[in-house]
């Protein structure tokens, strides 16, 4: 939160990725798993 504005970022990321669905998603530097959670309903496997 010190350096990342949160508003609208998730929706913009989803829009950039496209609707999918995606058979396999790979997240580089998974951290807390935020990206996998974001795409949970668009991927079959992450």
ModelCIF file with pLDDT and N, C-alpha, C, O atoms, coordinates in Angstrom:
data_MODEL
#
_entry.id   MODEL 
#
_entity.id                         1 
_entity.type                       polymer 
_entity.pdbx_number_of_molecules   1 
#
_entity_poly.entity_id                      1 
_entity_poly.type                           'polypeptide(L)' 
_entity_poly.nstd_linkage                   no 
_entity_poly.nstd_monomer                   no 
_entity_poly.pdbx_seq_one_letter_code       
;(UNK)(UNK)(UNK)(UNK)(UNK)(UNK)(UNK)(UNK)(UNK)(UNK)(UNK)(UNK)(UNK)(UNK)(UNK)(UNK)
(UNK)(UNK)(UNK)(UNK)(UNK)(UNK)(UNK)(UNK)(UNK)(UNK)(UNK)(UNK)(UNK)(UNK)(UNK)(UNK)
(UNK)(UNK)(UNK)(UNK)(UNK)(UNK)(UNK)(UNK)(UNK)(UNK)(UNK)(UNK)(UNK)(UNK)
;
_entity_poly.pdbx_seq_one_letter_code_can   XXXXXXXXXXXXXXXXXXXXXXXXXXXXXXXXXXXXXXXXXXXXXX 
_entity_poly.pdbx_strand_id                 A 
#
loop_
_entity_poly_seq.entity_id 
_entity_poly_seq.num 
_entity_poly_seq.mon_id 
_entity_poly_seq.hetero 
1 1  UNK n 
1 2  UNK n 
1 3  UNK n 
1 4  UNK n 
1 5  UNK n 
1 6  UNK n 
1 7  UNK n 
1 8  UNK n 
1 9  UNK n 
1 10 UNK n 
1 11 UNK n 
1 12 UNK n 
1 13 UNK n 
1 14 UNK n 
1 15 UNK n 
1 16 UNK n 
1 17 UNK n 
1 18 UNK n 
1 19 UNK n 
1 20 UNK n 
1 21 UNK n 
1 22 UNK n 
1 23 UNK n 
1 24 UNK n 
1 25 UNK n 
1 26 UNK n 
1 27 UNK n 
1 28 UNK n 
1 29 UNK n 
1 30 UNK n 
1 31 UNK n 
1 32 UNK n 
1 33 UNK n 
1 34 UNK n 
1 35 UNK n 
1 36 UNK n 
1 37 UNK n 
1 38 UNK n 
1 39 UNK n 
1 40 UNK n 
1 41 UNK n 
1 42 UNK n 
1 43 UNK n 
1 44 UNK n 
1 45 UNK n 
1 46 UNK n 
#
_struct_asym.id          A 
_struct_asym.entity_id   1 
#
loop_
_ma_qa_metric.id 
_ma_qa_metric.mode 
_ma_qa_metric.name 
_ma_qa_metric.software_group_id 
_ma_qa_metric.type 
1 global pLDDT . pLDDT 
2 local  pLDDT . pLDDT 
#
_ma_qa_metric_global.metric_id      1 
_ma_qa_metric_global.metric_value   87.76 
_ma_qa_metric_global.model_id       1 
_ma_qa_metric_global.ordinal_id     1 
#
loop_
_ma_qa_metric_local.label_asym_id 
_ma_qa_metric_local.label_comp_id 
_ma_qa_metric_local.label_seq_id 
_ma_qa_metric_local.metric_id 
_ma_qa_metric_local.metric_value 
_ma_qa_metric_local.model_id 
_ma_qa_metric_local.ordinal_id 
A UNK 1  2 61.00 1 1  
A UNK 2  2 55.00 1 2  
A UNK 3  2 54.00 1 3  
A UNK 4  2 58.00 1 4  
A UNK 5  2 56.00 1 5  
A UNK 6  2 69.00 1 6  
A UNK 7  2 61.00 1 7  
A UNK 8  2 77.00 1 8  
A UNK 9  2 88.00 1 9  
A UNK 10 2 91.00 1 10 
A UNK 11 2 92.00 1 11 
A UNK 12 2 94.00 1 12 
A UNK 13 2 96.00 1 13 
A UNK 14 2 96.00 1 14 
A UNK 15 2 96.00 1 15 
A UNK 16 2 97.00 1 16 
A UNK 17 2 97.00 1 17 
A UNK 18 2 94.00 1 18 
A UNK 19 2 91.00 1 19 
A UNK 20 2 88.00 1 20 
A UNK 21 2 94.00 1 21 
A UNK 22 2 96.00 1 22 
A UNK 23 2 94.00 1 23 
A UNK 24 2 96.00 1 24 
A UNK 25 2 97.00 1 25 
A UNK 26 2 97.00 1 26 
A UNK 27 2 97.00 1 27 
A UNK 28 2 97.00 1 28 
A UNK 29 2 93.00 1 29 
A UNK 30 2 92.00 1 30 
A UNK 31 2 86.00 1 31 
A UNK 32 2 83.00 1 32 
A UNK 33 2 89.00 1 33 
A UNK 34 2 90.00 1 34 
A UNK 35 2 94.00 1 35 
A UNK 36 2 95.00 1 36 
A UNK 37 2 93.00 1 37 
A UNK 38 2 95.00 1 38 
A UNK 39 2 95.00 1 39 
A UNK 40 2 93.00 1 40 
A UNK 41 2 93.00 1 41 
A UNK 42 2 95.00 1 42 
A UNK 43 2 94.00 1 43 
A UNK 44 2 92.00 1 44 
A UNK 45 2 92.00 1 45 
A UNK 46 2 94.00 1 46 
#
loop_
_atom_site.group_PDB 
_atom_site.id 
_atom_site.type_symbol 
_atom_site.label_atom_id 
_atom_site.label_alt_id 
_atom_site.label_comp_id 
_atom_site.label_asym_id 
_atom_site.label_entity_id 
_atom_site.label_seq_id 
_atom_site.pdbx_PDB_ins_code 
_atom_site.Cartn_x 
_atom_site.Cartn_y 
_atom_site.Cartn_z 
_atom_site.occupancy 
_atom_site.B_iso_or_equiv 
_atom_site.pdbx_formal_charge 
_atom_site.auth_seq_id 
_atom_site.auth_comp_id 
_atom_site.auth_asym_id 
_atom_site.auth_atom_id 
_atom_site.pdbx_PDB_model_num 
ATOM 1   N N  . UNK A 1 1  ? 0.817   -1.213  0.000   1.00 61.00 ? 1  UNK A N  1 
ATOM 2   C CA . UNK A 1 1  ? 0.000   0.000   0.000   1.00 61.00 ? 1  UNK A CA 1 
ATOM 3   C C  . UNK A 1 1  ? 0.852   1.264   0.000   1.00 61.00 ? 1  UNK A C  1 
ATOM 4   O O  . UNK A 1 1  ? 0.352   2.342   -0.325  1.00 61.00 ? 1  UNK A O  1 
ATOM 5   N N  . UNK A 1 2  ? 2.116   1.152   0.355   1.00 55.00 ? 2  UNK A N  1 
ATOM 6   C CA . UNK A 1 2  ? 2.990   2.320   0.348   1.00 55.00 ? 2  UNK A CA 1 
ATOM 7   C C  . UNK A 1 2  ? 3.242   2.823   -1.055  1.00 55.00 ? 2  UNK A C  1 
ATOM 8   O O  . UNK A 1 2  ? 3.496   4.011   -1.253  1.00 55.00 ? 2  UNK A O  1 
ATOM 9   N N  . UNK A 1 3  ? 3.175   1.940   -2.025  1.00 54.00 ? 3  UNK A N  1 
ATOM 10  C CA . UNK A 1 3  ? 3.598   2.352   -3.359  1.00 54.00 ? 3  UNK A CA 1 
ATOM 11  C C  . UNK A 1 3  ? 2.761   1.770   -4.495  1.00 54.00 ? 3  UNK A C  1 
ATOM 12  O O  . UNK A 1 3  ? 3.207   1.797   -5.642  1.00 54.00 ? 3  UNK A O  1 
ATOM 13  N N  . UNK A 1 4  ? 1.578   1.252   -4.225  1.00 58.00 ? 4  UNK A N  1 
ATOM 14  C CA . UNK A 1 4  ? 0.766   0.686   -5.293  1.00 58.00 ? 4  UNK A CA 1 
ATOM 15  C C  . UNK A 1 4  ? -0.682  1.120   -5.170  1.00 58.00 ? 4  UNK A C  1 
ATOM 16  O O  . UNK A 1 4  ? -1.381  0.651   -4.272  1.00 58.00 ? 4  UNK A O  1 
ATOM 17  N N  . UNK A 1 5  ? -1.151  1.992   -6.034  1.00 56.00 ? 5  UNK A N  1 
ATOM 18  C CA . UNK A 1 5  ? -2.566  2.352   -6.007  1.00 56.00 ? 5  UNK A CA 1 
ATOM 19  C C  . UNK A 1 5  ? -3.427  1.160   -6.397  1.00 56.00 ? 5  UNK A C  1 
ATOM 20  O O  . UNK A 1 5  ? -3.172  0.518   -7.416  1.00 56.00 ? 5  UNK A O  1 
ATOM 21  N N  . UNK A 1 6  ? -4.428  0.864   -5.607  1.00 69.00 ? 6  UNK A N  1 
ATOM 22  C CA . UNK A 1 6  ? -5.201  -0.364  -5.797  1.00 69.00 ? 6  UNK A CA 1 
ATOM 23  C C  . UNK A 1 6  ? -6.411  -0.208  -6.722  1.00 69.00 ? 6  UNK A C  1 
ATOM 24  O O  . UNK A 1 6  ? -6.819  -1.167  -7.377  1.00 69.00 ? 6  UNK A O  1 
ATOM 25  N N  . UNK A 1 7  ? -6.985  1.002   -6.775  1.00 61.00 ? 7  UNK A N  1 
ATOM 26  C CA . UNK A 1 7  ? -8.249  1.199   -7.494  1.00 61.00 ? 7  UNK A CA 1 
ATOM 27  C C  . UNK A 1 7  ? -8.120  0.843   -8.961  1.00 61.00 ? 7  UNK A C  1 
ATOM 28  O O  . UNK A 1 7  ? -7.224  1.309   -9.664  1.00 61.00 ? 7  UNK A O  1 
ATOM 29  N N  . UNK A 1 8  ? -9.039  0.005   -9.399  1.00 77.00 ? 8  UNK A N  1 
ATOM 30  C CA . UNK A 1 8  ? -9.187  -0.349  -10.816 1.00 77.00 ? 8  UNK A CA 1 
ATOM 31  C C  . UNK A 1 8  ? -8.070  -1.214  -11.399 1.00 77.00 ? 8  UNK A C  1 
ATOM 32  O O  . UNK A 1 8  ? -8.128  -1.574  -12.575 1.00 77.00 ? 8  UNK A O  1 
ATOM 33  N N  . UNK A 1 9  ? -7.045  -1.558  -10.594 1.00 88.00 ? 9  UNK A N  1 
ATOM 34  C CA . UNK A 1 9  ? -5.934  -2.318  -11.153 1.00 88.00 ? 9  UNK A CA 1 
ATOM 35  C C  . UNK A 1 9  ? -6.376  -3.725  -11.539 1.00 88.00 ? 9  UNK A C  1 
ATOM 36  O O  . UNK A 1 9  ? -6.046  -4.205  -12.624 1.00 88.00 ? 9  UNK A O  1 
ATOM 37  N N  . UNK A 1 10 ? -7.117  -4.384  -10.662 1.00 91.00 ? 10 UNK A N  1 
ATOM 38  C CA . UNK A 1 10 ? -7.535  -5.754  -10.956 1.00 91.00 ? 10 UNK A CA 1 
ATOM 39  C C  . UNK A 1 10 ? -8.362  -5.827  -12.233 1.00 91.00 ? 10 UNK A C  1 
ATOM 40  O O  . UNK A 1 10 ? -8.148  -6.709  -13.064 1.00 91.00 ? 10 UNK A O  1 
ATOM 41  N N  . UNK A 1 11 ? -9.293  -4.913  -12.388 1.00 92.00 ? 11 UNK A N  1 
ATOM 42  C CA . UNK A 1 11 ? -10.132 -4.955  -13.589 1.00 92.00 ? 11 UNK A CA 1 
ATOM 43  C C  . UNK A 1 11 ? -9.312  -4.667  -14.833 1.00 92.00 ? 11 UNK A C  1 
ATOM 44  O O  . UNK A 1 11 ? -9.574  -5.232  -15.895 1.00 92.00 ? 11 UNK A O  1 
ATOM 45  N N  . UNK A 1 12 ? -8.313  -3.786  -14.712 1.00 94.00 ? 12 UNK A N  1 
ATOM 46  C CA . UNK A 1 12 ? -7.457  -3.478  -15.858 1.00 94.00 ? 12 UNK A CA 1 
ATOM 47  C C  . UNK A 1 12 ? -6.578  -4.677  -16.224 1.00 94.00 ? 12 UNK A C  1 
ATOM 48  O O  . UNK A 1 12 ? -6.334  -4.932  -17.404 1.00 94.00 ? 12 UNK A O  1 
ATOM 49  N N  . UNK A 1 13 ? -6.109  -5.403  -15.228 1.00 96.00 ? 13 UNK A N  1 
ATOM 50  C CA . UNK A 1 13 ? -5.310  -6.608  -15.486 1.00 96.00 ? 13 UNK A CA 1 
ATOM 51  C C  . UNK A 1 13 ? -6.161  -7.660  -16.190 1.00 96.00 ? 13 UNK A C  1 
ATOM 52  O O  . UNK A 1 13 ? -5.719  -8.277  -17.159 1.00 96.00 ? 13 UNK A O  1 
ATOM 53  N N  . UNK A 1 14 ? -7.371  -7.859  -15.705 1.00 96.00 ? 14 UNK A N  1 
ATOM 54  C CA . UNK A 1 14 ? -8.274  -8.827  -16.330 1.00 96.00 ? 14 UNK A CA 1 
ATOM 55  C C  . UNK A 1 14 ? -8.573  -8.437  -17.771 1.00 96.00 ? 14 UNK A C  1 
ATOM 56  O O  . UNK A 1 14 ? -8.616  -9.291  -18.656 1.00 96.00 ? 14 UNK A O  1 
ATOM 57  N N  . UNK A 1 15 ? -8.778  -7.144  -18.002 1.00 96.00 ? 15 UNK A N  1 
ATOM 58  C CA . UNK A 1 15 ? -9.056  -6.687  -19.358 1.00 96.00 ? 15 UNK A CA 1 
ATOM 59  C C  . UNK A 1 15 ? -7.862  -6.902  -20.269 1.00 96.00 ? 15 UNK A C  1 
ATOM 60  O O  . UNK A 1 15 ? -8.023  -7.264  -21.434 1.00 96.00 ? 15 UNK A O  1 
ATOM 61  N N  . UNK A 1 16 ? -6.670  -6.681  -19.747 1.00 97.00 ? 16 UNK A N  1 
ATOM 62  C CA . UNK A 1 16 ? -5.459  -6.865  -20.548 1.00 97.00 ? 16 UNK A CA 1 
ATOM 63  C C  . UNK A 1 16 ? -5.241  -8.331  -20.907 1.00 97.00 ? 16 UNK A C  1 
ATOM 64  O O  . UNK A 1 16 ? -4.734  -8.641  -21.985 1.00 97.00 ? 16 UNK A O  1 
ATOM 65  N N  . UNK A 1 17 ? -5.620  -9.224  -20.011 1.00 97.00 ? 17 UNK A N  1 
ATOM 66  C CA . UNK A 1 17 ? -5.431  -10.656 -20.256 1.00 97.00 ? 17 UNK A CA 1 
ATOM 67  C C  . UNK A 1 17 ? -6.450  -11.205 -21.230 1.00 97.00 ? 17 UNK A C  1 
ATOM 68  O O  . UNK A 1 17 ? -6.144  -12.131 -21.981 1.00 97.00 ? 17 UNK A O  1 
ATOM 69  N N  . UNK A 1 18 ? -7.651  -10.658 -21.236 1.00 94.00 ? 18 UNK A N  1 
ATOM 70  C CA . UNK A 1 18 ? -8.709  -11.179 -22.089 1.00 94.00 ? 18 UNK A CA 1 
ATOM 71  C C  . UNK A 1 18 ? -9.617  -12.137 -21.328 1.00 94.00 ? 18 UNK A C  1 
ATOM 72  O O  . UNK A 1 18 ? -9.320  -12.539 -20.204 1.00 94.00 ? 18 UNK A O  1 
ATOM 73  N N  . UNK A 1 19 ? -10.704 -12.484 -21.952 1.00 91.00 ? 19 UNK A N  1 
ATOM 74  C CA . UNK A 1 19 ? -11.728 -13.291 -21.296 1.00 91.00 ? 19 UNK A CA 1 
ATOM 75  C C  . UNK A 1 19 ? -11.311 -14.724 -21.011 1.00 91.00 ? 19 UNK A C  1 
ATOM 76  O O  . UNK A 1 19 ? -11.822 -15.343 -20.078 1.00 91.00 ? 19 UNK A O  1 
ATOM 77  N N  . UNK A 1 20 ? -10.391 -15.257 -21.802 1.00 88.00 ? 20 UNK A N  1 
ATOM 78  C CA . UNK A 1 20 ? -10.068 -16.675 -21.627 1.00 88.00 ? 20 UNK A CA 1 
ATOM 79  C C  . UNK A 1 20 ? -11.154 -17.532 -22.257 1.00 88.00 ? 20 UNK A C  1 
ATOM 80  O O  . UNK A 1 20 ? -11.730 -17.126 -23.267 1.00 88.00 ? 20 UNK A O  1 
ATOM 81  N N  . UNK A 1 21 ? -11.457 -18.695 -21.708 1.00 94.00 ? 21 UNK A N  1 
ATOM 82  C CA . UNK A 1 21 ? -10.804 -19.291 -20.535 1.00 94.00 ? 21 UNK A CA 1 
ATOM 83  C C  . UNK A 1 21 ? -9.396  -19.781 -20.859 1.00 94.00 ? 21 UNK A C  1 
ATOM 84  O O  . UNK A 1 21 ? -9.066  -20.037 -22.017 1.00 94.00 ? 21 UNK A O  1 
ATOM 85  N N  . UNK A 1 22 ? -8.571  -19.909 -19.818 1.00 96.00 ? 22 UNK A N  1 
ATOM 86  C CA . UNK A 1 22 ? -7.191  -20.332 -19.970 1.00 96.00 ? 22 UNK A CA 1 
ATOM 87  C C  . UNK A 1 22 ? -7.012  -21.733 -19.372 1.00 96.00 ? 22 UNK A C  1 
ATOM 88  O O  . UNK A 1 22 ? -7.399  -21.995 -18.234 1.00 96.00 ? 22 UNK A O  1 
ATOM 89  N N  . UNK A 1 23 ? -6.429  -22.604 -20.154 1.00 94.00 ? 23 UNK A N  1 
ATOM 90  C CA . UNK A 1 23 ? -6.194  -23.970 -19.681 1.00 94.00 ? 23 UNK A CA 1 
ATOM 91  C C  . UNK A 1 23 ? -5.161  -23.974 -18.566 1.00 94.00 ? 23 UNK A C  1 
ATOM 92  O O  . UNK A 1 23 ? -5.365  -24.621 -17.538 1.00 94.00 ? 23 UNK A O  1 
ATOM 93  N N  . UNK A 1 24 ? -4.043  -23.255 -18.755 1.00 96.00 ? 24 UNK A N  1 
ATOM 94  C CA . UNK A 1 24 ? -2.991  -23.186 -17.740 1.00 96.00 ? 24 UNK A CA 1 
ATOM 95  C C  . UNK A 1 24 ? -2.478  -21.759 -17.623 1.00 96.00 ? 24 UNK A C  1 
ATOM 96  O O  . UNK A 1 24 ? -2.054  -21.147 -18.603 1.00 96.00 ? 24 UNK A O  1 
ATOM 97  N N  . UNK A 1 25 ? -2.528  -21.250 -16.409 1.00 97.00 ? 25 UNK A N  1 
ATOM 98  C CA . UNK A 1 25 ? -1.948  -19.944 -16.074 1.00 97.00 ? 25 UNK A CA 1 
ATOM 99  C C  . UNK A 1 25 ? -0.696  -20.171 -15.234 1.00 97.00 ? 25 UNK A C  1 
ATOM 100 O O  . UNK A 1 25 ? -0.685  -21.026 -14.349 1.00 97.00 ? 25 UNK A O  1 
ATOM 101 N N  . UNK A 1 26 ? 0.355   -19.405 -15.512 1.00 97.00 ? 26 UNK A N  1 
ATOM 102 C CA . UNK A 1 26 ? 1.581   -19.451 -14.712 1.00 97.00 ? 26 UNK A CA 1 
ATOM 103 C C  . UNK A 1 26 ? 1.847   -18.047 -14.183 1.00 97.00 ? 26 UNK A C  1 
ATOM 104 O O  . UNK A 1 26 ? 1.859   -17.081 -14.946 1.00 97.00 ? 26 UNK A O  1 
ATOM 105 N N  . UNK A 1 27 ? 2.061   -17.939 -12.872 1.00 97.00 ? 27 UNK A N  1 
ATOM 106 C CA . UNK A 1 27 ? 2.337   -16.653 -12.241 1.00 97.00 ? 27 UNK A CA 1 
ATOM 107 C C  . UNK A 1 27 ? 3.783   -16.627 -11.767 1.00 97.00 ? 27 UNK A C  1 
ATOM 108 O O  . UNK A 1 27 ? 4.177   -17.427 -10.918 1.00 97.00 ? 27 UNK A O  1 
ATOM 109 N N  . UNK A 1 28 ? 4.565   -15.715 -12.308 1.00 97.00 ? 28 UNK A N  1 
ATOM 110 C CA . UNK A 1 28 ? 5.987   -15.580 -11.981 1.00 97.00 ? 28 UNK A CA 1 
ATOM 111 C C  . UNK A 1 28 ? 6.129   -14.708 -10.737 1.00 97.00 ? 28 UNK A C  1 
ATOM 112 O O  . UNK A 1 28 ? 5.691   -13.557 -10.735 1.00 97.00 ? 28 UNK A O  1 
ATOM 113 N N  . UNK A 1 29 ? 6.739   -15.246 -9.677  1.00 93.00 ? 29 UNK A N  1 
ATOM 114 C CA . UNK A 1 29 ? 6.841   -14.500 -8.429  1.00 93.00 ? 29 UNK A CA 1 
ATOM 115 C C  . UNK A 1 29 ? 5.485   -14.390 -7.783  1.00 93.00 ? 29 UNK A C  1 
ATOM 116 O O  . UNK A 1 29 ? 4.928   -13.299 -7.661  1.00 93.00 ? 29 UNK A O  1 
ATOM 117 N N  . UNK A 1 30 ? 4.951   -15.526 -7.368  1.00 92.00 ? 30 UNK A N  1 
ATOM 118 C CA . UNK A 1 30 ? 3.536   -15.607 -6.990  1.00 92.00 ? 30 UNK A CA 1 
ATOM 119 C C  . UNK A 1 30 ? 3.177   -14.769 -5.769  1.00 92.00 ? 30 UNK A C  1 
ATOM 120 O O  . UNK A 1 30 ? 2.016   -14.399 -5.597  1.00 92.00 ? 30 UNK A O  1 
ATOM 121 N N  . UNK A 1 31 ? 4.160   -14.462 -4.916  1.00 86.00 ? 31 UNK A N  1 
ATOM 122 C CA . UNK A 1 31 ? 3.860   -13.650 -3.734  1.00 86.00 ? 31 UNK A CA 1 
ATOM 123 C C  . UNK A 1 31 ? 2.787   -14.286 -2.881  1.00 86.00 ? 31 UNK A C  1 
ATOM 124 O O  . UNK A 1 31 ? 2.915   -15.442 -2.476  1.00 86.00 ? 31 UNK A O  1 
ATOM 125 N N  . UNK A 1 32 ? 1.732   -13.546 -2.606  1.00 83.00 ? 32 UNK A N  1 
ATOM 126 C CA . UNK A 1 32 ? 0.638   -14.064 -1.788  1.00 83.00 ? 32 UNK A CA 1 
ATOM 127 C C  . UNK A 1 32 ? -0.411  -14.816 -2.610  1.00 83.00 ? 32 UNK A C  1 
ATOM 128 O O  . UNK A 1 32 ? -1.413  -15.283 -2.069  1.00 83.00 ? 32 UNK A O  1 
ATOM 129 N N  . UNK A 1 33 ? -0.177  -14.929 -3.900  1.00 89.00 ? 33 UNK A N  1 
ATOM 130 C CA . UNK A 1 33 ? -1.140  -15.634 -4.745  1.00 89.00 ? 33 UNK A CA 1 
ATOM 131 C C  . UNK A 1 33 ? -2.239  -14.753 -5.290  1.00 89.00 ? 33 UNK A C  1 
ATOM 132 O O  . UNK A 1 33 ? -3.272  -15.248 -5.741  1.00 89.00 ? 33 UNK A O  1 
ATOM 133 N N  . UNK A 1 34 ? -2.022  -13.432 -5.250  1.00 90.00 ? 34 UNK A N  1 
ATOM 134 C CA . UNK A 1 34 ? -3.071  -12.495 -5.636  1.00 90.00 ? 34 UNK A CA 1 
ATOM 135 C C  . UNK A 1 34 ? -3.513  -12.665 -7.083  1.00 90.00 ? 34 UNK A C  1 
ATOM 136 O O  . UNK A 1 34 ? -4.710  -12.621 -7.369  1.00 90.00 ? 34 UNK A O  1 
ATOM 137 N N  . UNK A 1 35 ? -2.565  -12.859 -8.001  1.00 94.00 ? 35 UNK A N  1 
ATOM 138 C CA . UNK A 1 35 ? -2.930  -12.994 -9.411  1.00 94.00 ? 35 UNK A CA 1 
ATOM 139 C C  . UNK A 1 35 ? -3.715  -14.283 -9.661  1.00 94.00 ? 35 UNK A C  1 
ATOM 140 O O  . UNK A 1 35 ? -4.655  -14.298 -10.456 1.00 94.00 ? 35 UNK A O  1 
ATOM 141 N N  . UNK A 1 36 ? -3.331  -15.343 -8.992  1.00 95.00 ? 36 UNK A N  1 
ATOM 142 C CA . UNK A 1 36 ? -4.061  -16.605 -9.171  1.00 95.00 ? 36 UNK A CA 1 
ATOM 143 C C  . UNK A 1 36 ? -5.486  -16.467 -8.649  1.00 95.00 ? 36 UNK A C  1 
ATOM 144 O O  . UNK A 1 36 ? -6.428  -16.970 -9.261  1.00 95.00 ? 36 UNK A O  1 
ATOM 145 N N  . UNK A 1 37 ? -5.640  -15.790 -7.529  1.00 93.00 ? 37 UNK A N  1 
ATOM 146 C CA . UNK A 1 37 ? -6.995  -15.545 -7.011  1.00 93.00 ? 37 UNK A CA 1 
ATOM 147 C C  . UNK A 1 37 ? -7.812  -14.712 -7.991  1.00 93.00 ? 37 UNK A C  1 
ATOM 148 O O  . UNK A 1 37 ? -9.001  -14.962 -8.194  1.00 93.00 ? 37 UNK A O  1 
ATOM 149 N N  . UNK A 1 38 ? -7.161  -13.716 -8.599  1.00 95.00 ? 38 UNK A N  1 
ATOM 150 C CA . UNK A 1 38 ? -7.857  -12.825 -9.521  1.00 95.00 ? 38 UNK A CA 1 
ATOM 151 C C  . UNK A 1 38 ? -8.396  -13.582 -10.737 1.00 95.00 ? 38 UNK A C  1 
ATOM 152 O O  . UNK A 1 38 ? -9.489  -13.295 -11.227 1.00 95.00 ? 38 UNK A O  1 
ATOM 153 N N  . UNK A 1 39 ? -7.618  -14.547 -11.213 1.00 95.00 ? 39 UNK A N  1 
ATOM 154 C CA . UNK A 1 39 ? -7.990  -15.274 -12.430 1.00 95.00 ? 39 UNK A CA 1 
ATOM 155 C C  . UNK A 1 39 ? -8.675  -16.614 -12.143 1.00 95.00 ? 39 UNK A C  1 
ATOM 156 O O  . UNK A 1 39 ? -8.872  -17.418 -13.054 1.00 95.00 ? 39 UNK A O  1 
ATOM 157 N N  . UNK A 1 40 ? -9.032  -16.849 -10.898 1.00 93.00 ? 40 UNK A N  1 
ATOM 158 C CA . UNK A 1 40 ? -9.541  -18.166 -10.509 1.00 93.00 ? 40 UNK A CA 1 
ATOM 159 C C  . UNK A 1 40 ? -10.704 -18.651 -11.369 1.00 93.00 ? 40 UNK A C  1 
ATOM 160 O O  . UNK A 1 40 ? -10.800 -19.838 -11.680 1.00 93.00 ? 40 UNK A O  1 
ATOM 161 N N  . UNK A 1 41 ? -11.586 -17.729 -11.753 1.00 93.00 ? 41 UNK A N  1 
ATOM 162 C CA . UNK A 1 41 ? -12.757 -18.168 -12.515 1.00 93.00 ? 41 UNK A CA 1 
ATOM 163 C C  . UNK A 1 41 ? -12.519 -18.162 -14.022 1.00 93.00 ? 41 UNK A C  1 
ATOM 164 O O  . UNK A 1 41 ? -13.440 -18.416 -14.798 1.00 93.00 ? 41 UNK A O  1 
ATOM 165 N N  . UNK A 1 42 ? -11.281 -17.871 -14.437 1.00 95.00 ? 42 UNK A N  1 
ATOM 166 C CA . UNK A 1 42 ? -10.959 -17.864 -15.864 1.00 95.00 ? 42 UNK A CA 1 
ATOM 167 C C  . UNK A 1 42 ? -9.952  -18.944 -16.257 1.00 95.00 ? 42 UNK A C  1 
ATOM 168 O O  . UNK A 1 42 ? -9.649  -19.120 -17.437 1.00 95.00 ? 42 UNK A O  1 
ATOM 169 N N  . UNK A 1 43 ? -9.440  -19.663 -15.265 1.00 94.00 ? 43 UNK A N  1 
ATOM 170 C CA . UNK A 1 43 ? -8.414  -20.673 -15.565 1.00 94.00 ? 43 UNK A CA 1 
ATOM 171 C C  . UNK A 1 43 ? -8.871  -22.043 -15.085 1.00 94.00 ? 43 UNK A C  1 
ATOM 172 O O  . UNK A 1 43 ? -9.568  -22.176 -14.079 1.00 94.00 ? 43 UNK A O  1 
ATOM 173 N N  . UNK A 1 44 ? -8.465  -23.035 -15.822 1.00 92.00 ? 44 UNK A N  1 
ATOM 174 C CA . UNK A 1 44 ? -8.741  -24.401 -15.393 1.00 92.00 ? 44 UNK A CA 1 
ATOM 175 C C  . UNK A 1 44 ? -7.678  -24.872 -14.399 1.00 92.00 ? 44 UNK A C  1 
ATOM 176 O O  . UNK A 1 44 ? -7.958  -25.635 -13.475 1.00 92.00 ? 44 UNK A O  1 
ATOM 177 N N  . UNK A 1 45 ? -6.447  -24.392 -14.619 1.00 92.00 ? 45 UNK A N  1 
ATOM 178 C CA . UNK A 1 45 ? -5.351  -24.787 -13.736 1.00 92.00 ? 45 UNK A CA 1 
ATOM 179 C C  . UNK A 1 45 ? -4.377  -23.622 -13.637 1.00 92.00 ? 45 UNK A C  1 
ATOM 180 O O  . UNK A 1 45 ? -4.120  -22.935 -14.626 1.00 92.00 ? 45 UNK A O  1 
ATOM 181 N N  . UNK A 1 46 ? -3.835  -23.399 -12.443 1.00 94.00 ? 46 UNK A N  1 
ATOM 182 C CA . UNK A 1 46 ? -2.893  -22.299 -12.232 1.00 94.00 ? 46 UNK A CA 1 
ATOM 183 C C  . UNK A 1 46 ? -1.698  -22.786 -11.434 1.00 94.00 ? 46 UNK A C  1 
ATOM 184 O O  . UNK A 1 46 ? -0.788  -22.008 -11.150 1.00 94.00 ? 46 UNK A O  1 
#
